[in-house]
Amino acid sequence: MRNIALVLTLAGVAALLAQSSSSYRITQTYTLGGEGRWDYVVPDPPNHRLFIARENRVMVVDEDHGTLLGEVTGIQGAHGTAVVEASGHGFATSGNDQSVVMFDLKTYKTLGRIPAAEDADAIVYDSASNRVFTFNGDSHSSTVIDPAGKLITNIPLGGKPEYGASAGDGKVYGNLTDTSEVVEIDAKIATVTRRWPTAPCKQPVSMALDTAHHRLFSGCRSGLMAISDYQAGKVVSTVPIGTGVDGAGYDAASGDAFASNADGTLTVIHQDSPDQYHVVQTVTTPQGSRNMGLDPMNHRVFLVSAKFGEAPAGGRGRPPALPGTFTLMVVQRVTVGAYQRRP
């Protein structure tokens, strides 16, 4: 009887403990300051740093401490950054002068400038072909560059590209926002091989890949994320996200996909199976936190935003970012358990 009583007592104590829950939240905030708006946040996991585009430069930031390591300067309209570790070179799009700036990954000094095309925006490195690909919005093309800094060719895409991604198997994918399509590029022959619609998801911009299951995540300005089977070339599921999306990520370890939205939300989507998904959390973030980077090694999501001034007269254009308020935020999954006493 004594043993039974002990078991019942332990069971009662356990019942007093609240169920531990796991959720994503902002765990660190770092003020980076500086002037100007921003664009893509690109992690460099092996070196624990971030490349953050800031109009006329790229800021290089320590992931673990939120400190500025250096800047890549001489850029006119900074958007994306690609890292090619093997060559020791980084590549940053300079959209206003239709070029790509090649820089040293250790010193951040400019090594050269490669001609691209109008509105050079996102940029990715494909390891299978050992080539860098830009996505040029207004020129509806992709510029292909050798990591040594040589222009190879320009590929017509048949629409206005936004963000893209490499599958690591010689295929590069891009969202075409004006035609609401995904386009597939064979990286080795530098040719478009397929395209498919993202409907009912309209104006796809951000992109992430699940290479294990061959799934592609397109964040759309219509308030949806479209998940495609990129081998079959078709959308298999859609889920609701916030408005003003501009960033996306997928963490294979957790099976969670992310969409960072300008409305002050980070949508967290769980993969139940390759064709089934549901929203598990909407994290509140500062307004304007629409750009993100995901480090798959430490599973952290990095967001950026700032405080804003008054909107331009007539309501046209974006409100200016206030100097000195630019901020980096770290989002992580945190397990919380609370002890509840019996009344």
C-alpha atoms as a PDB file:
ATOM      1  CA  MET A   1       0.000   0.000   0.000  1.00  0.00           C
ATOM      2  CA  ARG A   2       2.883   2.319   0.832  1.00  0.00           C
ATOM      3  CA  ASN A   3       4.357   1.848  -2.663  1.00  0.00           C
ATOM      4  CA  ILE A   4       0.981   2.500  -4.244  1.00  0.00           C
ATOM      5  CA  ALA A   5       0.608   5.671  -2.183  1.00  0.00           C
ATOM      6  CA  LEU A   6       4.068   6.808  -3.266  1.00  0.00           C
ATOM      7  CA  VAL A   7       3.197   6.287  -6.940  1.00  0.00           C
ATOM      8  CA  LEU A   8      -0.024   8.229  -6.537  1.00  0.00           C
ATOM      9  CA  THR A   9       1.842  11.040  -4.774  1.00  0.00           C
ATOM     10  CA  LEU A  10       4.423  11.284  -7.550  1.00  0.00           C
ATOM     11  CA  ALA A  11       1.637  11.289 -10.120  1.00  0.00           C
ATOM     12  CA  GLY A  12      -0.021  14.123  -8.262  1.00  0.00           C
ATOM     13  CA  VAL A  13       3.190  16.143  -8.194  1.00  0.00           C
ATOM     14  CA  ALA A  14       3.655  15.603 -11.910  1.00  0.00           C
ATOM     15  CA  ALA A  15       0.126  16.857 -12.514  1.00  0.00           C
ATOM     16  CA  LEU A  16       1.033  20.111 -10.778  1.00  0.00           C
ATOM     17  CA  LEU A  17       3.682  20.811 -13.384  1.00  0.00           C
ATOM     18  CA  ALA A  18       2.413  22.651 -16.416  1.00  0.00           C
ATOM     19  CA  GLN A  19       2.951  21.035 -19.735  1.00  0.00           C
ATOM     20  CA  SER A  20       6.152  22.393 -21.246  1.00  0.00           C
ATOM     21  CA  SER A  21       5.555  24.131 -24.556  1.00  0.00           C
ATOM     22  CA  SER A  22       7.881  24.996 -27.371  1.00  0.00           C
ATOM     23  CA  SER A  23       7.467  28.155 -29.404  1.00  0.00           C
ATOM     24  CA  TYR A  24       9.477  30.627 -31.430  1.00  0.00           C
ATOM     25  CA  ARG A  25      10.255  34.003 -29.976  1.00  0.00           C
ATOM     26  CA  ILE A  26      12.696  36.883 -30.322  1.00  0.00           C
ATOM     27  CA  THR A  27      15.574  36.028 -27.986  1.00  0.00           C
ATOM     28  CA  GLN A  28      18.131  38.695 -28.887  1.00  0.00           C
ATOM     29  CA  THR A  29      17.956  42.216 -30.291  1.00  0.00           C
ATOM     30  CA  TYR A  30      20.999  44.131 -31.548  1.00  0.00           C
ATOM     31  CA  THR A  31      21.015  47.752 -32.694  1.00  0.00           C
ATOM     32  CA  LEU A  32      23.293  47.983 -35.732  1.00  0.00           C
ATOM     33  CA  GLY A  33      22.436  51.583 -36.618  1.00  0.00           C
ATOM     34  CA  GLY A  34      23.579  53.297 -39.786  1.00  0.00           C
ATOM     35  CA  GLU A  35      21.509  54.965 -42.474  1.00  0.00           C
ATOM     36  CA  GLY A  36      19.475  53.618 -45.359  1.00  0.00           C
ATOM     37  CA  ARG A  37      16.941  50.918 -46.019  1.00  0.00           C
ATOM     38  CA  TRP A  38      17.835  47.263 -46.466  1.00  0.00           C
ATOM     39  CA  ASP A  39      17.126  44.127 -48.453  1.00  0.00           C
ATOM     40  CA  TYR A  40      18.243  40.487 -48.262  1.00  0.00           C
ATOM     41  CA  VAL A  41      19.737  38.937 -45.130  1.00  0.00           C
ATOM     42  CA  VAL A  42      22.141  36.162 -46.168  1.00  0.00           C
ATOM     43  CA  PRO A  43      23.697  33.845 -43.540  1.00  0.00           C
ATOM     44  CA  ASP A  44      27.167  32.360 -43.962  1.00  0.00           C
ATOM     45  CA  PRO A  45      26.770  29.413 -41.521  1.00  0.00           C
ATOM     46  CA  PRO A  46      30.352  28.038 -41.465  1.00  0.00           C
ATOM     47  CA  ASN A  47      31.671  31.461 -40.472  1.00  0.00           C
ATOM     48  CA  HIS A  48      28.776  32.502 -38.215  1.00  0.00           C
ATOM     49  CA  ARG A  49      28.158  35.775 -40.013  1.00  0.00           C
ATOM     50  CA  LEU A  50      25.430  37.576 -41.908  1.00  0.00           C
ATOM     51  CA  PHE A  51      25.569  39.688 -45.057  1.00  0.00           C
ATOM     52  CA  ILE A  52      22.915  42.414 -44.930  1.00  0.00           C
ATOM     53  CA  ALA A  53      22.305  44.700 -47.921  1.00  0.00           C
ATOM     54  CA  ARG A  54      22.029  48.427 -47.006  1.00  0.00           C
ATOM     55  CA  GLU A  55      21.490  50.532 -50.163  1.00  0.00           C
ATOM     56  CA  ASN A  56      25.118  51.593 -50.824  1.00  0.00           C
ATOM     57  CA  ARG A  57      26.936  48.812 -48.959  1.00  0.00           C
ATOM     58  CA  VAL A  58      26.682  45.340 -47.467  1.00  0.00           C
ATOM     59  CA  MET A  59      27.047  45.048 -43.701  1.00  0.00           C
ATOM     60  CA  VAL A  60      28.853  41.953 -42.406  1.00  0.00           C
ATOM     61  CA  VAL A  61      27.618  41.037 -38.925  1.00  0.00           C
ATOM     62  CA  ASP A  62      28.690  38.442 -36.354  1.00  0.00           C
ATOM     63  CA  GLU A  63      25.729  36.095 -35.811  1.00  0.00           C
ATOM     64  CA  ASP A  64      26.602  35.269 -32.207  1.00  0.00           C
ATOM     65  CA  HIS A  65      27.266  38.761 -30.857  1.00  0.00           C
ATOM     66  CA  GLY A  66      25.486  41.123 -33.234  1.00  0.00           C
ATOM     67  CA  THR A  67      28.643  43.110 -33.876  1.00  0.00           C
ATOM     68  CA  LEU A  68      29.695  44.694 -37.154  1.00  0.00           C
ATOM     69  CA  LEU A  69      32.672  42.851 -38.680  1.00  0.00           C
ATOM     70  CA  GLY A  70      33.045  45.091 -41.710  1.00  0.00           C
ATOM     71  CA  GLU A  71      31.320  46.471 -44.791  1.00  0.00           C
ATOM     72  CA  VAL A  72      31.486  45.959 -48.532  1.00  0.00           C
ATOM     73  CA  THR A  73      31.324  49.459 -50.014  1.00  0.00           C
ATOM     74  CA  GLY A  74      30.977  51.011 -53.459  1.00  0.00           C
ATOM     75  CA  ILE A  75      27.573  49.473 -54.180  1.00  0.00           C
ATOM     76  CA  GLN A  76      24.767  51.395 -55.843  1.00  0.00           C
ATOM     77  CA  GLY A  77      21.491  49.786 -54.875  1.00  0.00           C
ATOM     78  CA  ALA A  78      22.499  46.803 -52.727  1.00  0.00           C
ATOM     79  CA  HIS A  79      20.150  43.816 -52.759  1.00  0.00           C
ATOM     80  CA  GLY A  80      21.597  40.292 -52.532  1.00  0.00           C
ATOM     81  CA  THR A  81      24.841  38.561 -51.612  1.00  0.00           C
ATOM     82  CA  ALA A  82      26.247  35.183 -52.696  1.00  0.00           C
ATOM     83  CA  VAL A  83      29.136  33.441 -50.927  1.00  0.00           C
ATOM     84  CA  VAL A  84      31.579  31.189 -52.786  1.00  0.00           C
ATOM     85  CA  GLU A  85      33.808  29.754 -50.093  1.00  0.00           C
ATOM     86  CA  ALA A  86      36.003  27.742 -52.465  1.00  0.00           C
ATOM     87  CA  SER A  87      37.159  30.807 -54.391  1.00  0.00           C
ATOM     88  CA  GLY A  88      37.214  33.103 -51.369  1.00  0.00           C
ATOM     89  CA  HIS A  89      34.901  35.518 -53.168  1.00  0.00           C
ATOM     90  CA  GLY A  90      31.610  37.135 -52.324  1.00  0.00           C
ATOM     91  CA  PHE A  91      29.276  38.659 -54.895  1.00  0.00           C
ATOM     92  CA  ALA A  92      26.875  41.534 -54.197  1.00  0.00           C
ATOM     93  CA  THR A  93      24.312  42.889 -56.641  1.00  0.00           C
ATOM     94  CA  SER A  94      24.527  46.603 -57.411  1.00  0.00           C
ATOM     95  CA  GLY A  95      21.130  47.148 -58.980  1.00  0.00           C
ATOM     96  CA  ASN A  96      21.317  50.847 -59.792  1.00  0.00           C
ATOM     97  CA  ASP A  97      24.367  50.498 -62.045  1.00  0.00           C
ATOM     98  CA  GLN A  98      23.450  47.055 -63.409  1.00  0.00           C
ATOM     99  CA  SER A  99      26.486  45.254 -62.029  1.00  0.00           C
ATOM    100  CA  VAL A 100      27.761  42.733 -59.512  1.00  0.00           C
ATOM    101  CA  VAL A 101      30.544  43.637 -57.093  1.00  0.00           C
ATOM    102  CA  MET A 102      33.025  40.831 -56.374  1.00  0.00           C
ATOM    103  CA  PHE A 103      34.750  41.135 -52.984  1.00  0.00           C
ATOM    104  CA  ASP A 104      37.224  39.302 -50.762  1.00  0.00           C
ATOM    105  CA  LEU A 105      35.482  37.193 -48.105  1.00  0.00           C
ATOM    106  CA  LYS A 106      38.195  37.913 -45.524  1.00  0.00           C
ATOM    107  CA  THR A 107      38.926  41.599 -46.003  1.00  0.00           C
ATOM    108  CA  TYR A 108      35.596  42.627 -47.644  1.00  0.00           C
ATOM    109  CA  LYS A 109      37.558  44.712 -50.133  1.00  0.00           C
ATOM    110  CA  THR A 110      36.204  45.082 -53.665  1.00  0.00           C
ATOM    111  CA  LEU A 111      38.073  42.964 -56.220  1.00  0.00           C
ATOM    112  CA  GLY A 112      36.128  43.754 -59.363  1.00  0.00           C
ATOM    113  CA  ARG A 113      32.840  44.697 -60.963  1.00  0.00           C
ATOM    114  CA  ILE A 114      30.999  42.416 -63.398  1.00  0.00           C
ATOM    115  CA  PRO A 115      28.326  43.747 -65.782  1.00  0.00           C
ATOM    116  CA  ALA A 116      24.884  42.287 -65.141  1.00  0.00           C
ATOM    117  CA  ALA A 117      21.558  43.772 -66.283  1.00  0.00           C
ATOM    118  CA  GLU A 118      18.932  46.283 -65.251  1.00  0.00           C
ATOM    119  CA  ASP A 119      17.618  45.845 -61.689  1.00  0.00           C
ATOM    120  CA  ALA A 120      20.103  43.158 -60.616  1.00  0.00           C
ATOM    121  CA  ASP A 121      18.422  41.967 -57.428  1.00  0.00           C
ATOM    122  CA  ALA A 122      18.759  38.543 -55.802  1.00  0.00           C
ATOM    123  CA  ILE A 123      21.868  36.419 -56.338  1.00  0.00           C
ATOM    124  CA  VAL A 124      22.674  32.766 -55.512  1.00  0.00           C
ATOM    125  CA  TYR A 125      25.587  30.354 -55.878  1.00  0.00           C
ATOM    126  CA  ASP A 126      25.044  26.909 -57.401  1.00  0.00           C
ATOM    127  CA  SER A 127      27.753  24.499 -56.221  1.00  0.00           C
ATOM    128  CA  ALA A 128      26.945  21.775 -58.777  1.00  0.00           C
ATOM    129  CA  SER A 129      27.797  23.999 -61.740  1.00  0.00           C
ATOM    130  CA  ASN A 130      30.170  26.254 -59.770  1.00  0.00           C
ATOM    131  CA  ARG A 131      28.361  29.333 -61.070  1.00  0.00           C
ATOM    132  CA  VAL A 132      26.721  32.434 -59.627  1.00  0.00           C
ATOM    133  CA  PHE A 133      23.255  33.469 -60.830  1.00  0.00           C
ATOM    134  CA  THR A 134      21.647  36.888 -60.465  1.00  0.00           C
ATOM    135  CA  PHE A 135      17.939  37.578 -60.836  1.00  0.00           C
ATOM    136  CA  ASN A 136      17.447  40.833 -62.735  1.00  0.00           C
ATOM    137  CA  GLY A 137      13.946  42.169 -62.162  1.00  0.00           C
ATOM    138  CA  ASP A 138      13.275  44.822 -64.765  1.00  0.00           C
ATOM    139  CA  SER A 139      15.322  43.086 -67.470  1.00  0.00           C
ATOM    140  CA  HIS A 140      13.518  39.748 -66.935  1.00  0.00           C
ATOM    141  CA  SER A 141      16.797  37.839 -66.976  1.00  0.00           C
ATOM    142  CA  SER A 142      19.474  36.007 -65.015  1.00  0.00           C
ATOM    143  CA  THR A 143      23.167  36.841 -65.323  1.00  0.00           C
ATOM    144  CA  VAL A 144      25.544  33.879 -65.034  1.00  0.00           C
ATOM    145  CA  ILE A 145      28.994  34.531 -63.545  1.00  0.00           C
ATOM    146  CA  ASP A 146      32.082  32.398 -63.017  1.00  0.00           C
ATOM    147  CA  PRO A 147      33.351  32.556 -59.377  1.00  0.00           C
ATOM    148  CA  ALA A 148      36.655  33.931 -60.695  1.00  0.00           C
ATOM    149  CA  GLY A 149      34.716  37.029 -61.735  1.00  0.00           C
ATOM    150  CA  LYS A 150      33.997  36.402 -65.430  1.00  0.00           C
ATOM    151  CA  LEU A 151      30.647  37.073 -67.091  1.00  0.00           C
ATOM    152  CA  ILE A 152      29.367  33.923 -68.818  1.00  0.00           C
ATOM    153  CA  THR A 153      25.966  34.847 -70.257  1.00  0.00           C
ATOM    154  CA  ASN A 154      22.523  36.328 -69.644  1.00  0.00           C
ATOM    155  CA  ILE A 155      19.474  34.038 -69.643  1.00  0.00           C
ATOM    156  CA  PRO A 156      16.032  35.420 -70.618  1.00  0.00           C
ATOM    157  CA  LEU A 157      13.451  34.245 -68.075  1.00  0.00           C
ATOM    158  CA  GLY A 158      10.191  35.402 -69.609  1.00  0.00           C
ATOM    159  CA  GLY A 159       9.075  37.336 -66.544  1.00  0.00           C
ATOM    160  CA  LYS A 160      10.216  39.524 -63.652  1.00  0.00           C
ATOM    161  CA  PRO A 161      12.246  37.448 -61.193  1.00  0.00           C
ATOM    162  CA  GLU A 162      12.429  38.034 -57.473  1.00  0.00           C
ATOM    163  CA  TYR A 163      14.247  35.643 -55.147  1.00  0.00           C
ATOM    164  CA  GLY A 164      15.699  32.287 -56.213  1.00  0.00           C
ATOM    165  CA  ALA A 165      17.478  29.247 -54.818  1.00  0.00           C
ATOM    166  CA  SER A 166      19.820  26.446 -55.847  1.00  0.00           C
ATOM    167  CA  ALA A 167      18.759  22.844 -55.286  1.00  0.00           C
ATOM    168  CA  GLY A 168      22.400  21.730 -55.245  1.00  0.00           C
ATOM    169  CA  ASP A 169      21.827  19.260 -58.078  1.00  0.00           C
ATOM    170  CA  GLY A 170      22.492  21.574 -61.020  1.00  0.00           C
ATOM    171  CA  LYS A 171      19.029  23.164 -61.003  1.00  0.00           C
ATOM    172  CA  VAL A 172      18.348  26.769 -59.986  1.00  0.00           C
ATOM    173  CA  TYR A 173      14.825  28.053 -59.335  1.00  0.00           C
ATOM    174  CA  GLY A 174      13.385  31.544 -59.394  1.00  0.00           C
ATOM    175  CA  ASN A 175      10.026  33.180 -58.685  1.00  0.00           C
ATOM    176  CA  LEU A 176       8.534  35.264 -61.487  1.00  0.00           C
ATOM    177  CA  THR A 177       6.360  37.787 -59.678  1.00  0.00           C
ATOM    178  CA  ASP A 178       4.562  39.347 -62.640  1.00  0.00           C
ATOM    179  CA  THR A 179       3.480  36.048 -64.227  1.00  0.00           C
ATOM    180  CA  SER A 180       3.037  34.152 -60.915  1.00  0.00           C
ATOM    181  CA  GLU A 181       5.298  31.314 -61.960  1.00  0.00           C
ATOM    182  CA  VAL A 182       8.339  29.358 -60.856  1.00  0.00           C
ATOM    183  CA  VAL A 183      11.071  29.017 -63.461  1.00  0.00           C
ATOM    184  CA  GLU A 184      13.680  26.233 -63.514  1.00  0.00           C
ATOM    185  CA  ILE A 185      17.189  26.828 -64.903  1.00  0.00           C
ATOM    186  CA  ASP A 186      19.610  24.088 -65.882  1.00  0.00           C
ATOM    187  CA  ALA A 187      22.715  25.655 -64.387  1.00  0.00           C
ATOM    188  CA  LYS A 188      25.273  23.823 -66.504  1.00  0.00           C
ATOM    189  CA  ILE A 189      23.797  24.731 -69.883  1.00  0.00           C
ATOM    190  CA  ALA A 190      22.387  28.079 -68.652  1.00  0.00           C
ATOM    191  CA  THR A 191      18.940  27.482 -70.119  1.00  0.00           C
ATOM    192  CA  VAL A 192      15.387  27.629 -68.796  1.00  0.00           C
ATOM    193  CA  THR A 193      14.056  24.061 -68.834  1.00  0.00           C
ATOM    194  CA  ARG A 194      10.637  24.316 -67.161  1.00  0.00           C
ATOM    195  CA  ARG A 195       8.112  26.662 -65.616  1.00  0.00           C
ATOM    196  CA  TRP A 196       4.862  26.182 -63.712  1.00  0.00           C
ATOM    197  CA  PRO A 197       2.193  28.424 -62.165  1.00  0.00           C
ATOM    198  CA  THR A 198       1.974  29.130 -58.435  1.00  0.00           C
ATOM    199  CA  ALA A 199      -1.827  29.673 -58.572  1.00  0.00           C
ATOM    200  CA  PRO A 200      -3.773  30.383 -56.443  1.00  0.00           C
ATOM    201  CA  CYS A 201      -0.692  32.047 -54.944  1.00  0.00           C
ATOM    202  CA  LYS A 202      -0.133  35.375 -56.749  1.00  0.00           C
ATOM    203  CA  GLN A 203       3.021  37.494 -57.010  1.00  0.00           C
ATOM    204  CA  PRO A 204       5.565  35.011 -55.612  1.00  0.00           C
ATOM    205  CA  VAL A 205       8.653  36.725 -54.206  1.00  0.00           C
ATOM    206  CA  SER A 206      10.496  34.841 -51.448  1.00  0.00           C
ATOM    207  CA  MET A 207      11.785  31.277 -51.854  1.00  0.00           C
ATOM    208  CA  ALA A 208      13.178  28.383 -49.824  1.00  0.00           C
ATOM    209  CA  LEU A 209      13.852  24.711 -50.611  1.00  0.00           C
ATOM    210  CA  ASP A 210      13.455  21.356 -48.891  1.00  0.00           C
ATOM    211  CA  THR A 211      15.915  19.357 -50.970  1.00  0.00           C
ATOM    212  CA  ALA A 212      15.300  16.063 -49.137  1.00  0.00           C
ATOM    213  CA  HIS A 213      11.649  15.974 -50.257  1.00  0.00           C
ATOM    214  CA  HIS A 214      12.059  18.116 -53.391  1.00  0.00           C
ATOM    215  CA  ARG A 215       9.709  20.814 -52.147  1.00  0.00           C
ATOM    216  CA  LEU A 216       9.878  24.511 -53.009  1.00  0.00           C
ATOM    217  CA  PHE A 217       8.310  27.249 -50.873  1.00  0.00           C
ATOM    218  CA  SER A 218       7.162  30.450 -52.621  1.00  0.00           C
ATOM    219  CA  GLY A 219       5.999  33.305 -50.390  1.00  0.00           C
ATOM    220  CA  CYS A 220       3.417  35.344 -52.300  1.00  0.00           C
ATOM    221  CA  ARG A 221       2.281  38.928 -51.860  1.00  0.00           C
ATOM    222  CA  SER A 222      -1.317  37.680 -52.103  1.00  0.00           C
ATOM    223  CA  GLY A 223      -1.014  36.364 -48.529  1.00  0.00           C
ATOM    224  CA  LEU A 224      -0.264  32.730 -49.310  1.00  0.00           C
ATOM    225  CA  MET A 225       2.725  30.437 -49.411  1.00  0.00           C
ATOM    226  CA  ALA A 226       2.687  27.954 -52.284  1.00  0.00           C
ATOM    227  CA  ILE A 227       4.526  24.657 -51.783  1.00  0.00           C
ATOM    228  CA  SER A 228       5.594  22.994 -55.039  1.00  0.00           C
ATOM    229  CA  ASP A 229       6.928  19.570 -55.872  1.00  0.00           C
ATOM    230  CA  TYR A 230       9.811  20.825 -57.983  1.00  0.00           C
ATOM    231  CA  GLN A 231      10.436  17.445 -59.584  1.00  0.00           C
ATOM    232  CA  ALA A 232       6.847  17.224 -60.807  1.00  0.00           C
ATOM    233  CA  GLY A 233       6.630  20.965 -61.448  1.00  0.00           C
ATOM    234  CA  LYS A 234       3.331  21.600 -59.671  1.00  0.00           C
ATOM    235  CA  VAL A 235       1.889  23.174 -56.530  1.00  0.00           C
ATOM    236  CA  VAL A 236       0.861  20.562 -53.947  1.00  0.00           C
ATOM    237  CA  SER A 237      -0.332  22.793 -51.095  1.00  0.00           C
ATOM    238  CA  THR A 238      -0.902  26.379 -49.986  1.00  0.00           C
ATOM    239  CA  VAL A 239      -1.065  27.949 -46.522  1.00  0.00           C
ATOM    240  CA  PRO A 240      -1.948  31.483 -45.351  1.00  0.00           C
ATOM    241  CA  ILE A 241       0.844  33.872 -44.343  1.00  0.00           C
ATOM    242  CA  GLY A 242       1.069  37.558 -43.417  1.00  0.00           C
ATOM    243  CA  THR A 243       1.044  40.460 -45.850  1.00  0.00           C
ATOM    244  CA  GLY A 244       4.088  42.036 -47.457  1.00  0.00           C
ATOM    245  CA  VAL A 245       6.237  38.886 -47.440  1.00  0.00           C
ATOM    246  CA  ASP A 246       9.818  39.248 -48.665  1.00  0.00           C
ATOM    247  CA  GLY A 247      11.730  36.447 -46.933  1.00  0.00           C
ATOM    248  CA  ALA A 248      11.400  32.684 -46.525  1.00  0.00           C
ATOM    249  CA  GLY A 249      13.307  29.768 -45.032  1.00  0.00           C
ATOM    250  CA  TYR A 250      13.044  26.049 -44.357  1.00  0.00           C
ATOM    251  CA  ASP A 251      14.706  24.212 -41.464  1.00  0.00           C
ATOM    252  CA  ALA A 252      15.081  20.510 -42.249  1.00  0.00           C
ATOM    253  CA  ALA A 253      15.789  19.623 -38.619  1.00  0.00           C
ATOM    254  CA  SER A 254      12.416  20.859 -37.357  1.00  0.00           C
ATOM    255  CA  GLY A 255      10.407  20.543 -40.558  1.00  0.00           C
ATOM    256  CA  ASP A 256       9.376  24.178 -40.145  1.00  0.00           C
ATOM    257  CA  ALA A 257       9.123  26.739 -42.935  1.00  0.00           C
ATOM    258  CA  PHE A 258       9.059  30.498 -42.339  1.00  0.00           C
ATOM    259  CA  ALA A 259       7.682  33.593 -44.040  1.00  0.00           C
ATOM    260  CA  SER A 260       8.770  37.039 -42.832  1.00  0.00           C
ATOM    261  CA  ASN A 261       6.163  39.705 -43.494  1.00  0.00           C
ATOM    262  CA  ALA A 262       6.106  43.504 -43.522  1.00  0.00           C
ATOM    263  CA  ASP A 263       2.903  43.540 -41.446  1.00  0.00           C
ATOM    264  CA  GLY A 264       4.916  42.656 -38.332  1.00  0.00           C
ATOM    265  CA  THR A 265       4.561  38.875 -38.366  1.00  0.00           C
ATOM    266  CA  LEU A 266       6.728  35.825 -38.890  1.00  0.00           C
ATOM    267  CA  THR A 267       4.565  32.925 -40.069  1.00  0.00           C
ATOM    268  CA  VAL A 268       5.775  29.487 -38.925  1.00  0.00           C
ATOM    269  CA  ILE A 269       4.535  26.559 -41.023  1.00  0.00           C
ATOM    270  CA  HIS A 270       5.068  22.911 -40.077  1.00  0.00           C
ATOM    271  CA  GLN A 271       5.535  20.143 -42.609  1.00  0.00           C
ATOM    272  CA  ASP A 272       3.290  17.245 -41.562  1.00  0.00           C
ATOM    273  CA  SER A 273       4.223  15.363 -44.723  1.00  0.00           C
ATOM    274  CA  PRO A 274       5.732  16.500 -48.039  1.00  0.00           C
ATOM    275  CA  ASP A 275       2.233  17.419 -49.264  1.00  0.00           C
ATOM    276  CA  GLN A 276       0.588  18.542 -46.010  1.00  0.00           C
ATOM    277  CA  TYR A 277       1.318  21.711 -44.018  1.00  0.00           C
ATOM    278  CA  HIS A 278      -0.269  23.869 -41.367  1.00  0.00           C
ATOM    279  CA  VAL A 279       0.505  27.149 -39.613  1.00  0.00           C
ATOM    280  CA  VAL A 280       1.736  26.430 -36.078  1.00  0.00           C
ATOM    281  CA  GLN A 281       2.579  29.941 -34.922  1.00  0.00           C
ATOM    282  CA  THR A 282       2.485  33.594 -35.874  1.00  0.00           C
ATOM    283  CA  VAL A 283       5.335  35.420 -34.160  1.00  0.00           C
ATOM    284  CA  THR A 284       4.814  39.144 -33.553  1.00  0.00           C
ATOM    285  CA  THR A 285       7.708  41.175 -34.947  1.00  0.00           C
ATOM    286  CA  PRO A 286       8.309  44.900 -35.528  1.00  0.00           C
ATOM    287  CA  GLN A 287       6.556  46.453 -38.503  1.00  0.00           C
ATOM    288  CA  GLY A 288       8.713  46.229 -41.610  1.00  0.00           C
ATOM    289  CA  SER A 289      10.499  43.000 -40.593  1.00  0.00           C
ATOM    290  CA  ARG A 290       9.996  41.492 -44.014  1.00  0.00           C
ATOM    291  CA  ASN A 291      13.539  40.242 -44.688  1.00  0.00           C
ATOM    292  CA  MET A 292      15.008  37.187 -43.001  1.00  0.00           C
ATOM    293  CA  GLY A 293      17.844  34.721 -43.121  1.00  0.00           C
ATOM    294  CA  LEU A 294      17.843  31.196 -41.672  1.00  0.00           C
ATOM    295  CA  ASP A 295      21.024  29.527 -40.438  1.00  0.00           C
ATOM    296  CA  PRO A 296      20.421  25.760 -40.763  1.00  0.00           C
ATOM    297  CA  MET A 297      23.361  24.975 -38.483  1.00  0.00           C
ATOM    298  CA  ASN A 298      22.080  26.746 -35.367  1.00  0.00           C
ATOM    299  CA  HIS A 299      18.403  26.889 -36.459  1.00  0.00           C
ATOM    300  CA  ARG A 300      18.141  30.620 -35.821  1.00  0.00           C
ATOM    301  CA  VAL A 301      16.039  33.003 -37.870  1.00  0.00           C
ATOM    302  CA  PHE A 302      17.508  36.487 -38.321  1.00  0.00           C
ATOM    303  CA  LEU A 303      15.177  39.427 -38.950  1.00  0.00           C
ATOM    304  CA  VAL A 304      15.919  43.116 -39.511  1.00  0.00           C
ATOM    305  CA  SER A 305      13.869  46.269 -39.173  1.00  0.00           C
ATOM    306  CA  ALA A 306      14.053  49.890 -37.999  1.00  0.00           C
ATOM    307  CA  LYS A 307      11.892  52.718 -36.756  1.00  0.00           C
ATOM    308  CA  PHE A 308      10.235  54.832 -39.425  1.00  0.00           C
ATOM    309  CA  GLY A 309       9.440  58.480 -39.943  1.00  0.00           C
ATOM    310  CA  GLU A 310       6.359  60.032 -41.506  1.00  0.00           C
ATOM    311  CA  ALA A 311       5.126  58.692 -44.836  1.00  0.00           C
ATOM    312  CA  PRO A 312       5.694  60.990 -47.843  1.00  0.00           C
ATOM    313  CA  ALA A 313       2.978  63.534 -48.619  1.00  0.00           C
ATOM    314  CA  GLY A 314       0.138  62.064 -50.621  1.00  0.00           C
ATOM    315  CA  GLY A 315       0.799  58.588 -49.267  1.00  0.00           C
ATOM    316  CA  ARG A 316       3.141  57.655 -52.089  1.00  0.00           C
ATOM    317  CA  GLY A 317       6.353  55.830 -51.323  1.00  0.00           C
ATOM    318  CA  ARG A 318       7.666  54.229 -48.175  1.00  0.00           C
ATOM    319  CA  PRO A 319       8.255  56.137 -44.951  1.00  0.00           C
ATOM    320  CA  PRO A 320      11.959  56.775 -44.341  1.00  0.00           C
ATOM    321  CA  ALA A 321      13.922  54.601 -41.922  1.00  0.00           C
ATOM    322  CA  LEU A 322      15.181  56.740 -39.059  1.00  0.00           C
ATOM    323  CA  PRO A 323      19.002  56.932 -38.856  1.00  0.00           C
ATOM    324  CA  GLY A 324      20.565  54.856 -36.091  1.00  0.00           C
ATOM    325  CA  THR A 325      17.512  52.638 -35.481  1.00  0.00           C
ATOM    326  CA  PHE A 326      18.338  49.698 -37.738  1.00  0.00           C
ATOM    327  CA  THR A 327      18.029  46.512 -35.674  1.00  0.00           C
ATOM    328  CA  LEU A 328      18.895  42.823 -35.985  1.00  0.00           C
ATOM    329  CA  MET A 329      16.666  40.318 -34.190  1.00  0.00           C
ATOM    330  CA  VAL A 330      17.294  36.641 -33.447  1.00  0.00           C
ATOM    331  CA  VAL A 331      14.319  34.274 -33.384  1.00  0.00           C
ATOM    332  CA  GLN A 332      14.717  30.829 -31.812  1.00  0.00           C
ATOM    333  CA  ARG A 333      12.495  28.037 -30.606  1.00  0.00           C
ATOM    334  CA  VAL A 334      12.329  28.124 -26.821  1.00  0.00           C
ATOM    335  CA  THR A 335      10.875  25.475 -24.522  1.00  0.00           C
ATOM    336  CA  VAL A 336       8.982  26.918 -21.570  1.00  0.00           C
ATOM    337  CA  GLY A 337       7.709  25.022 -18.532  1.00  0.00           C
ATOM    338  CA  ALA A 338       6.030  26.597 -15.528  1.00  0.00           C
ATOM    339  CA  TYR A 339       5.373  25.223 -12.047  1.00  0.00           C
ATOM    340  CA  GLN A 340       1.772  25.634 -10.914  1.00  0.00           C
ATOM    341  CA  ARG A 341       0.943  25.315  -7.211  1.00  0.00           C
ATOM    342  CA  ARG A 342      -2.242  23.656  -6.050  1.00  0.00           C
ATOM    343  CA  PRO A 343      -4.722  26.356  -4.872  1.00  0.00           C
END
